[in-house]
Amino acid sequence: MCASAGSAVRVPRVVSGLPRAVWAVLAADAVSAAGSGLTLPFLLVYLHDVRGIPLGWAGLGVSTVAFAGLAGNPLGGYLADRAGARNALVSGLVVAALGAFALAGVGSAGTAFAACALVGTGAAMIWPAQDALLAELAGPARRSQVFAVRYATMNAGLGLGAACAGLVANLASPSGFARLYLLDGLTFLVFVPVLALRRDLARTRTAPADGGDRARPGIRRVLADRTLLLVCGWMLLAVLAGAAQFHAAFPAYATHTGGLSPGALGLVYAANSVAVVVVQLPVLKLMSGRRRTTGMALVCLCWAAAWALTLLAGADPAAGTRFGLFALALVVFAVGEAFLSPTVAPLVNDLAPADLRGRYNGLYALSFTAGFIAGPAAGGFAFADGAGAAFFAGCIAVLAAVAGAAGLLRSLLPGRLDIGEPVPEPVEE
């Protein structure tokens, strides 16, 4: 490659060796994430204020998106193993697109439930299928890189989509909102020709297992892996006390106890999105060749620190300082997110036999889904009793315990799995 061509688009050295097929998938995923960012923050408002669905039914419709993941995660993983990760991903994208198109025309609670179920199932199928595909394409030496970059590009897409939607969304214009959902559906479908037309994605079907294990049903082999179950259990608790409250308890506490306006809350979340993109690659470089269990512990400690700052912000009487502390809390939370992406997902994929990679990723995604269902429910009951501050204190305690559990997990992992792969030198394709 000549010098002028190399300087035209300078890729950071820490990720410069990723295959072109990986970049194609990541770029298409970012476009799809931008479409989701256009619509997901407004789903409850759209169903209730624009389509006139009673608030309680609209809330249940939004919950349906999460509950559909209980079926979609294992289905996407199963299809990835049986039909190939690429084909499973295409199936999920089509189902999610159909759901988005259906949301554009909902007129009753029944149609809203059906559309939300399609969106949730499709999105849940996409996650394990895409993770399996990226793990196959990147290979063992570059999995930490690819999952770190994917998290950054996905957040960039979501943030861009949400910002654009905030500028154009109009509650008085049902047709305008409907166009957002149609555009969201199209961004899912944009991904399909990328997967279908690239020759380097043509053969991404996982290999069959050798030996006697092949006779055992796949799910039994997955559930027999105690290390995987421990990692997924760890992830469930971390999500329940951390990531789930980022979307549930934090906005409730910041707006009610903290007195933030919706506009100020949007700026606080924007600070988080920017921080994820900024710190992701430095954290990836920092974790190169280091213990993944250390990164897992740092995830929990950062999230616990974020909730401690949240409590401090809620107790501070000065409005300006309060806003700054809430923003700092979500920046610290972003640092924890940055440690998560190059540690746990690569670990799950390194644990997985080739013919079960989809189902391993399906169970891992299911731990997230379960946490995102249970976490907001627990927070809702606590806030209903006026115990928001006590709830965050409990989350801090849980996260501290889960950070300690990462240390215990270290003793169960072979060194080859716990030590993250060093960032390889760039290679010419």
Protein backbone atom coordinates (compact mmCIF):
# COMPACT_ATOMS: atom_id res chain seq x y z
CA MET A 1 0.00 0.00 0.00
CA CYS A 2 1.47 3.40 -0.96
CA ALA A 3 1.94 6.10 1.65
CA SER A 4 -0.65 8.46 0.20
CA ALA A 5 -3.31 5.77 0.20
CA GLY A 6 -2.49 4.77 3.73
CA SER A 7 -2.74 8.35 4.98
CA ALA A 8 -6.07 9.00 3.30
CA VAL A 9 -7.97 7.08 5.95
CA ARG A 10 -5.74 6.50 8.96
CA VAL A 11 -6.98 3.61 11.08
CA PRO A 12 -5.67 3.54 14.68
CA ARG A 13 -2.84 1.02 14.96
CA VAL A 14 -4.60 -0.89 17.75
CA VAL A 15 -7.31 -2.00 15.29
CA SER A 16 -5.55 -1.65 11.93
CA GLY A 17 -5.15 -5.39 11.40
CA LEU A 18 -8.85 -6.28 11.37
CA PRO A 19 -9.95 -8.00 8.14
CA ARG A 20 -11.94 -6.00 5.61
CA ALA A 21 -14.91 -8.32 6.02
CA VAL A 22 -15.05 -7.34 9.70
CA TRP A 23 -15.07 -3.62 8.82
CA ALA A 24 -17.90 -4.24 6.34
CA VAL A 25 -20.00 -5.91 9.03
CA LEU A 26 -19.17 -3.21 11.59
CA ALA A 27 -20.08 -0.41 9.17
CA ALA A 28 -23.41 -2.02 8.32
CA ASP A 29 -24.08 -2.61 12.03
CA ALA A 30 -23.43 1.08 12.77
CA VAL A 31 -26.01 2.07 10.14
CA SER A 32 -28.50 -0.35 11.69
CA ALA A 33 -27.74 1.05 15.15
CA ALA A 34 -28.41 4.57 13.88
CA GLY A 35 -31.84 3.39 12.76
CA SER A 36 -32.53 1.94 16.20
CA GLY A 37 -31.39 5.20 17.75
CA LEU A 38 -34.02 7.00 15.69
CA THR A 39 -36.86 5.08 17.28
CA LEU A 40 -36.13 3.18 20.50
CA PRO A 41 -35.95 6.24 22.83
CA PHE A 42 -39.40 7.31 21.62
CA LEU A 43 -41.27 4.00 21.52
CA LEU A 44 -43.43 4.60 24.61
CA VAL A 45 -44.13 8.19 23.58
CA TYR A 46 -44.98 7.09 20.05
CA LEU A 47 -47.41 4.37 21.09
CA HIS A 48 -49.19 6.53 23.69
CA ASP A 49 -49.03 10.13 22.49
CA VAL A 50 -49.01 9.59 18.74
CA ARG A 51 -51.05 6.40 18.28
CA GLY A 52 -53.39 6.93 21.25
CA ILE A 53 -52.75 3.58 22.93
CA PRO A 54 -53.47 3.77 26.71
CA LEU A 55 -50.30 4.31 28.72
CA GLY A 56 -50.46 0.99 30.59
CA TRP A 57 -50.86 -1.01 27.38
CA ALA A 58 -48.14 1.06 25.69
CA GLY A 59 -45.78 0.28 28.56
CA LEU A 60 -46.51 -3.43 28.23
CA GLY A 61 -45.82 -3.14 24.51
CA VAL A 62 -42.39 -1.70 25.22
CA SER A 63 -41.75 -4.51 27.74
CA THR A 64 -42.64 -7.01 25.03
CA VAL A 65 -39.49 -5.97 23.15
CA ALA A 66 -37.37 -7.18 26.08
CA PHE A 67 -39.42 -10.30 26.82
CA ALA A 68 -39.20 -11.38 23.18
CA GLY A 69 -35.45 -11.64 23.70
CA LEU A 70 -36.01 -14.66 25.95
CA ALA A 71 -36.96 -16.54 22.80
CA GLY A 72 -34.94 -14.58 20.24
CA ASN A 73 -31.51 -14.97 21.90
CA PRO A 74 -31.46 -18.78 21.97
CA LEU A 75 -33.16 -18.96 18.56
CA GLY A 76 -30.50 -16.75 16.96
CA GLY A 77 -27.74 -18.82 18.54
CA TYR A 78 -29.32 -22.10 17.45
CA LEU A 79 -29.74 -20.91 13.87
CA ALA A 80 -26.14 -19.67 13.78
CA ASP A 81 -24.94 -23.18 14.62
CA ARG A 82 -27.37 -24.98 12.34
CA ALA A 83 -27.55 -22.72 9.29
CA GLY A 84 -24.44 -20.55 9.67
CA ALA A 85 -23.91 -17.26 11.45
CA ARG A 86 -24.41 -15.19 8.29
CA ASN A 87 -27.75 -16.82 7.47
CA ALA A 88 -28.97 -16.49 11.06
CA LEU A 89 -28.03 -12.82 11.05
CA VAL A 90 -29.95 -12.23 7.82
CA SER A 91 -33.01 -13.90 9.37
CA GLY A 92 -32.84 -11.66 12.43
CA LEU A 93 -32.43 -8.53 10.33
CA VAL A 94 -35.48 -9.39 8.22
CA VAL A 95 -37.64 -10.11 11.29
CA ALA A 96 -36.55 -6.84 12.96
CA ALA A 97 -37.23 -4.89 9.75
CA LEU A 98 -40.73 -6.37 9.49
CA GLY A 99 -41.36 -5.31 13.10
CA ALA A 100 -40.19 -1.75 12.44
CA PHE A 101 -42.38 -1.52 9.33
CA ALA A 102 -45.33 -2.84 11.36
CA LEU A 103 -44.76 -0.22 14.07
CA ALA A 104 -45.09 2.50 11.46
CA GLY A 105 -48.75 1.52 10.97
CA VAL A 106 -49.95 0.39 14.40
CA GLY A 107 -53.48 1.42 15.28
CA SER A 108 -54.35 -0.68 18.33
CA ALA A 109 -52.80 -2.33 21.37
CA GLY A 110 -52.96 -5.72 19.62
CA THR A 111 -51.01 -4.61 16.57
CA ALA A 112 -48.54 -2.78 18.82
CA PHE A 113 -47.85 -5.99 20.78
CA ALA A 114 -47.33 -7.96 17.58
CA ALA A 115 -44.99 -5.33 16.10
CA CYS A 116 -43.00 -5.01 19.33
CA ALA A 117 -42.68 -8.79 19.54
CA LEU A 118 -41.26 -8.88 16.01
CA VAL A 119 -38.78 -6.09 16.74
CA GLY A 120 -37.67 -7.72 19.99
CA THR A 121 -37.33 -11.18 18.49
CA GLY A 122 -35.40 -9.94 15.47
CA ALA A 123 -33.03 -7.78 17.52
CA ALA A 124 -32.44 -10.65 19.94
CA MET A 125 -31.66 -13.03 17.07
CA ILE A 126 -29.19 -10.52 15.60
CA TRP A 127 -27.02 -10.30 18.73
CA PRO A 128 -25.70 -13.90 19.05
CA ALA A 129 -25.62 -14.42 15.29
CA GLN A 130 -23.56 -11.28 14.69
CA ASP A 131 -21.22 -12.01 17.60
CA ALA A 132 -20.65 -15.53 16.25
CA LEU A 133 -20.00 -14.13 12.78
CA LEU A 134 -17.53 -11.51 14.02
CA ALA A 135 -15.75 -14.10 16.17
CA GLU A 136 -15.35 -16.38 13.14
CA LEU A 137 -14.13 -13.58 10.88
CA ALA A 138 -11.69 -12.10 13.39
CA GLY A 139 -10.22 -15.37 14.65
CA PRO A 140 -8.86 -15.96 18.16
CA ALA A 141 -6.04 -13.42 17.79
CA ARG A 142 -8.30 -10.42 17.15
CA ARG A 143 -11.52 -11.04 19.07
CA SER A 144 -10.86 -8.44 21.76
CA GLN A 145 -10.24 -5.88 19.03
CA VAL A 146 -13.36 -6.64 17.05
CA PHE A 147 -15.74 -6.62 20.03
CA ALA A 148 -14.26 -3.39 21.35
CA VAL A 149 -14.62 -1.67 17.97
CA ARG A 150 -18.12 -3.04 17.54
CA TYR A 151 -19.20 -1.50 20.87
CA ALA A 152 -17.77 1.88 19.92
CA THR A 153 -19.28 1.96 16.43
CA MET A 154 -22.64 0.72 17.73
CA ASN A 155 -22.75 3.49 20.34
CA ALA A 156 -21.76 6.06 17.75
CA GLY A 157 -24.64 4.90 15.53
CA LEU A 158 -27.16 4.89 18.38
CA GLY A 159 -26.09 8.35 19.50
CA LEU A 160 -26.25 9.79 16.00
CA GLY A 161 -29.69 8.29 15.41
CA ALA A 162 -31.07 9.58 18.71
CA ALA A 163 -29.68 13.07 18.04
CA CYS A 164 -31.27 13.19 14.59
CA ALA A 165 -34.59 11.90 15.91
CA GLY A 166 -34.60 14.55 18.64
CA LEU A 167 -34.33 17.23 15.98
CA VAL A 168 -37.07 15.96 13.67
CA ALA A 169 -39.55 14.09 15.93
CA ASN A 170 -42.89 15.87 16.21
CA LEU A 171 -45.66 14.54 18.46
CA ALA A 172 -48.26 16.38 16.39
CA SER A 173 -47.25 14.52 13.21
CA PRO A 174 -48.06 10.79 13.21
CA SER A 175 -46.83 10.52 9.62
CA GLY A 176 -43.46 11.98 10.61
CA PHE A 177 -43.01 9.40 13.36
CA ALA A 178 -44.16 6.65 10.99
CA ARG A 179 -41.42 7.67 8.56
CA LEU A 180 -38.86 7.26 11.34
CA TYR A 181 -39.96 3.65 11.83
CA LEU A 182 -39.92 3.01 8.10
CA LEU A 183 -36.38 4.40 7.98
CA ASP A 184 -35.45 2.18 10.93
CA GLY A 185 -36.70 -0.86 9.01
CA LEU A 186 -34.68 0.13 5.97
CA THR A 187 -31.49 0.42 8.04
CA PHE A 188 -31.92 -3.22 9.06
CA LEU A 189 -32.33 -4.25 5.44
CA VAL A 190 -29.25 -2.26 4.34
CA PHE A 191 -27.23 -4.87 6.21
CA VAL A 192 -28.59 -7.78 4.12
CA PRO A 193 -26.85 -7.06 0.77
CA VAL A 194 -23.57 -6.51 2.62
CA LEU A 195 -23.87 -10.04 3.99
CA ALA A 196 -25.12 -11.52 0.71
CA LEU A 197 -22.72 -9.96 -1.78
CA ARG A 198 -19.32 -10.06 -0.09
CA ARG A 199 -17.41 -13.18 -1.13
CA ASP A 200 -15.39 -13.20 2.08
CA LEU A 201 -18.64 -13.70 4.00
CA ALA A 202 -19.86 -16.50 1.78
CA ARG A 203 -18.65 -19.34 4.00
CA THR A 204 -19.08 -18.58 7.69
CA ARG A 205 -20.81 -21.73 8.81
CA THR A 206 -19.43 -23.26 11.97
CA ALA A 207 -17.69 -26.63 11.77
CA PRO A 208 -19.16 -29.80 13.29
CA ALA A 209 -17.63 -31.18 16.42
CA ASP A 210 -15.42 -34.23 16.39
CA GLY A 211 -15.70 -37.21 18.68
CA GLY A 212 -18.41 -38.62 20.90
CA ASP A 213 -19.82 -35.27 22.05
CA ARG A 214 -21.43 -34.91 18.66
CA ALA A 215 -24.15 -37.37 19.73
CA ARG A 216 -25.21 -35.17 22.67
CA PRO A 217 -27.84 -32.47 22.04
CA GLY A 218 -26.22 -29.07 21.64
CA ILE A 219 -28.03 -27.39 24.52
CA ARG A 220 -26.93 -30.13 26.93
CA ARG A 221 -23.32 -29.60 25.91
CA VAL A 222 -23.69 -25.86 26.44
CA LEU A 223 -25.25 -26.25 29.88
CA ALA A 224 -22.55 -28.76 30.85
CA ASP A 225 -19.88 -26.04 30.56
CA ARG A 226 -19.64 -24.82 34.15
CA THR A 227 -17.22 -22.05 33.26
CA LEU A 228 -19.66 -20.61 30.72
CA LEU A 229 -22.49 -20.77 33.25
CA LEU A 230 -20.36 -18.93 35.81
CA VAL A 231 -19.45 -16.23 33.27
CA CYS A 232 -23.12 -15.81 32.28
CA GLY A 233 -24.18 -15.72 35.94
CA TRP A 234 -21.56 -13.07 36.60
CA MET A 235 -22.85 -11.09 33.62
CA LEU A 236 -26.47 -11.37 34.76
CA LEU A 237 -25.68 -9.86 38.16
CA ALA A 238 -23.49 -7.13 36.66
CA VAL A 239 -26.25 -6.17 34.23
CA LEU A 240 -28.96 -6.28 36.91
CA ALA A 241 -27.08 -3.89 39.22
CA GLY A 242 -25.29 -1.91 36.51
CA ALA A 243 -26.29 -1.72 32.86
CA ALA A 244 -30.03 -2.20 33.45
CA GLN A 245 -30.12 0.69 35.93
CA PHE A 246 -28.37 2.92 33.40
CA HIS A 247 -31.64 2.82 31.45
CA ALA A 248 -34.09 2.52 34.35
CA ALA A 249 -33.12 3.74 37.82
CA PHE A 250 -30.64 6.43 36.77
CA PRO A 251 -33.04 8.55 34.67
CA ALA A 252 -35.75 8.21 37.34
CA TYR A 253 -33.38 9.29 40.12
CA ALA A 254 -31.76 12.08 38.08
CA THR A 255 -35.07 13.67 37.07
CA HIS A 256 -37.01 13.23 40.31
CA THR A 257 -34.49 13.35 43.17
CA GLY A 258 -31.87 15.23 41.18
CA GLY A 259 -34.28 17.63 39.49
CA LEU A 260 -32.72 17.39 36.02
CA SER A 261 -34.87 18.57 33.12
CA PRO A 262 -35.40 16.18 30.17
CA GLY A 263 -33.06 18.34 28.10
CA ALA A 264 -30.33 18.19 30.74
CA LEU A 265 -30.80 14.45 31.05
CA GLY A 266 -30.30 14.12 27.30
CA LEU A 267 -27.00 15.99 27.57
CA VAL A 268 -25.88 13.69 30.38
CA TYR A 269 -26.57 10.63 28.22
CA ALA A 270 -24.80 12.31 25.31
CA ALA A 271 -21.71 12.66 27.53
CA ASN A 272 -21.82 8.91 28.09
CA SER A 273 -22.04 8.14 24.36
CA VAL A 274 -19.13 10.44 23.55
CA ALA A 275 -17.05 8.99 26.37
CA VAL A 276 -17.59 5.42 25.15
CA VAL A 277 -16.31 6.32 21.69
CA VAL A 278 -13.34 8.28 23.06
CA VAL A 279 -12.08 5.80 25.67
CA GLN A 280 -12.81 2.48 23.94
CA LEU A 281 -9.58 2.18 21.92
CA PRO A 282 -7.28 3.37 24.75
CA VAL A 283 -8.90 0.81 27.05
CA LEU A 284 -8.45 -1.89 24.39
CA LYS A 285 -4.76 -1.03 24.20
CA LEU A 286 -4.51 -1.03 28.01
CA MET A 287 -6.06 -4.51 28.20
CA SER A 288 -3.76 -5.97 25.53
CA GLY A 289 -2.09 -9.06 27.00
CA ARG A 290 -3.66 -8.54 30.44
CA ARG A 291 -6.07 -10.65 32.47
CA ARG A 292 -9.67 -10.51 31.31
CA THR A 293 -10.87 -11.16 34.86
CA THR A 294 -9.12 -7.95 35.92
CA GLY A 295 -11.08 -6.11 33.21
CA MET A 296 -14.29 -7.73 34.47
CA ALA A 297 -13.59 -6.54 38.01
CA LEU A 298 -12.89 -3.02 36.71
CA VAL A 299 -16.25 -3.02 34.91
CA CYS A 300 -18.05 -3.51 38.21
CA LEU A 301 -15.86 -1.07 40.14
CA CYS A 302 -16.45 1.66 37.54
CA TRP A 303 -20.20 1.07 37.60
CA ALA A 304 -20.22 1.11 41.40
CA ALA A 305 -18.28 4.40 41.34
CA ALA A 306 -20.81 5.79 38.87
CA TRP A 307 -23.70 5.01 41.22
CA ALA A 308 -21.77 6.53 44.15
CA LEU A 309 -21.42 9.75 42.13
CA THR A 310 -25.13 9.52 41.32
CA LEU A 311 -25.99 9.43 45.04
CA LEU A 312 -23.63 12.34 45.65
CA ALA A 313 -25.31 14.33 42.86
CA GLY A 314 -28.76 13.65 44.31
CA ALA A 315 -27.64 14.99 47.70
CA ASP A 316 -26.01 18.16 46.33
CA PRO A 317 -28.19 21.30 46.46
CA ALA A 318 -26.33 23.32 43.80
CA ALA A 319 -27.95 22.83 40.39
CA GLY A 320 -24.77 23.38 38.36
CA THR A 321 -22.70 21.02 40.46
CA ARG A 322 -25.52 18.49 40.41
CA PHE A 323 -25.59 18.43 36.61
CA GLY A 324 -21.80 18.07 36.48
CA LEU A 325 -21.83 15.15 38.91
CA PHE A 326 -24.57 13.34 37.01
CA ALA A 327 -22.61 13.81 33.78
CA LEU A 328 -19.40 12.61 35.46
CA ALA A 329 -21.25 9.56 36.75
CA LEU A 330 -22.18 8.47 33.24
CA VAL A 331 -18.68 9.20 31.94
CA VAL A 332 -17.28 6.88 34.62
CA PHE A 333 -19.97 4.38 33.67
CA ALA A 334 -18.73 4.61 30.06
CA VAL A 335 -15.23 3.63 31.18
CA GLY A 336 -16.73 0.48 32.69
CA GLU A 337 -18.54 -0.24 29.42
CA ALA A 338 -15.24 0.14 27.59
CA PHE A 339 -13.63 -2.51 29.82
CA LEU A 340 -16.57 -4.88 29.26
CA SER A 341 -16.50 -5.12 25.46
CA PRO A 342 -12.94 -6.51 24.98
CA THR A 343 -13.18 -8.95 27.89
CA VAL A 344 -16.36 -11.00 28.35
CA ALA A 345 -17.57 -11.48 24.75
CA PRO A 346 -14.11 -12.63 23.54
CA LEU A 347 -13.90 -14.95 26.57
CA VAL A 348 -17.27 -16.55 25.72
CA ASN A 349 -16.19 -17.08 22.11
CA ASP A 350 -12.85 -18.56 23.15
CA LEU A 351 -14.69 -20.97 25.45
CA ALA A 352 -17.05 -22.05 22.65
CA PRO A 353 -16.44 -25.13 20.47
CA ALA A 354 -16.78 -24.16 16.81
CA ASP A 355 -20.07 -25.97 16.31
CA LEU A 356 -21.65 -24.39 19.41
CA ARG A 357 -20.43 -20.83 19.05
CA GLY A 358 -23.89 -19.52 18.20
CA ARG A 359 -25.52 -21.17 21.20
CA TYR A 360 -22.75 -19.99 23.53
CA ASN A 361 -23.37 -16.44 22.32
CA GLY A 362 -27.12 -17.03 22.64
CA LEU A 363 -26.79 -17.93 26.33
CA TYR A 364 -24.48 -14.97 26.90
CA ALA A 365 -26.99 -12.62 25.25
CA LEU A 366 -29.75 -14.21 27.32
CA SER A 367 -27.92 -13.21 30.52
CA PHE A 368 -28.14 -9.60 29.34
CA THR A 369 -31.81 -9.94 28.44
CA ALA A 370 -32.72 -11.46 31.79
CA GLY A 371 -30.82 -8.70 33.60
CA PHE A 372 -32.58 -6.01 31.59
CA ILE A 373 -35.95 -7.54 32.52
CA ALA A 374 -35.29 -8.13 36.22
CA GLY A 375 -33.23 -4.98 36.88
CA PRO A 376 -35.83 -2.34 35.93
CA ALA A 377 -38.55 -4.34 37.72
CA ALA A 378 -36.54 -4.32 40.97
CA GLY A 379 -35.77 -0.64 40.57
CA GLY A 380 -39.40 0.18 39.87
CA PHE A 381 -40.56 -1.39 43.14
CA ALA A 382 -37.82 0.39 45.08
CA PHE A 383 -38.63 3.79 43.61
CA ALA A 384 -42.35 3.25 44.16
CA ASP A 385 -41.57 2.90 47.90
CA GLY A 386 -39.40 6.03 47.88
CA ALA A 387 -36.22 4.02 48.38
CA GLY A 388 -34.28 5.22 45.34
CA ALA A 389 -31.13 6.14 47.27
CA ALA A 390 -31.18 2.86 49.19
CA PHE A 391 -31.63 0.98 45.93
CA PHE A 392 -28.50 2.56 44.44
CA ALA A 393 -26.60 1.74 47.63
CA GLY A 394 -27.70 -1.87 47.20
CA CYS A 395 -26.53 -1.84 43.58
CA ILE A 396 -23.11 -0.60 44.72
CA ALA A 397 -22.87 -3.48 47.19
CA VAL A 398 -23.88 -6.03 44.54
CA LEU A 399 -21.35 -4.65 42.06
CA ALA A 400 -18.59 -4.78 44.67
CA ALA A 401 -19.42 -8.43 45.33
CA VAL A 402 -19.50 -9.23 41.61
CA ALA A 403 -16.11 -7.54 41.20
CA GLY A 404 -14.78 -9.92 43.85
CA ALA A 405 -16.40 -12.84 42.03
CA ALA A 406 -14.34 -11.98 38.96
CA GLY A 407 -11.26 -12.66 41.04
CA LEU A 408 -12.64 -16.06 42.03
CA LEU A 409 -13.38 -16.84 38.39
CA ARG A 410 -9.69 -16.27 37.64
CA SER A 411 -8.78 -19.45 39.52
CA LEU A 412 -11.10 -21.48 37.26
CA LEU A 413 -9.86 -20.18 33.92
CA PRO A 414 -6.82 -21.56 32.14
CA GLY A 415 -4.24 -18.87 31.56
CA ARG A 416 -4.72 -19.07 27.79
CA LEU A 417 -8.35 -17.95 28.26
CA ASP A 418 -7.86 -15.40 31.02
CA ILE A 419 -4.96 -13.56 29.42
CA GLY A 420 -6.34 -11.36 26.67
CA GLU A 421 -4.60 -11.66 23.36
CA PRO A 422 -1.96 -8.97 22.69
CA VAL A 423 -2.82 -6.61 19.87
CA PRO A 424 -1.26 -8.20 16.76
CA GLU A 425 0.83 -6.32 14.27
CA PRO A 426 -1.10 -5.01 11.25
CA VAL A 427 -1.04 -7.31 8.23
CA GLU A 428 -1.56 -6.70 4.56
CA GLU A 429 -4.60 -8.45 3.05
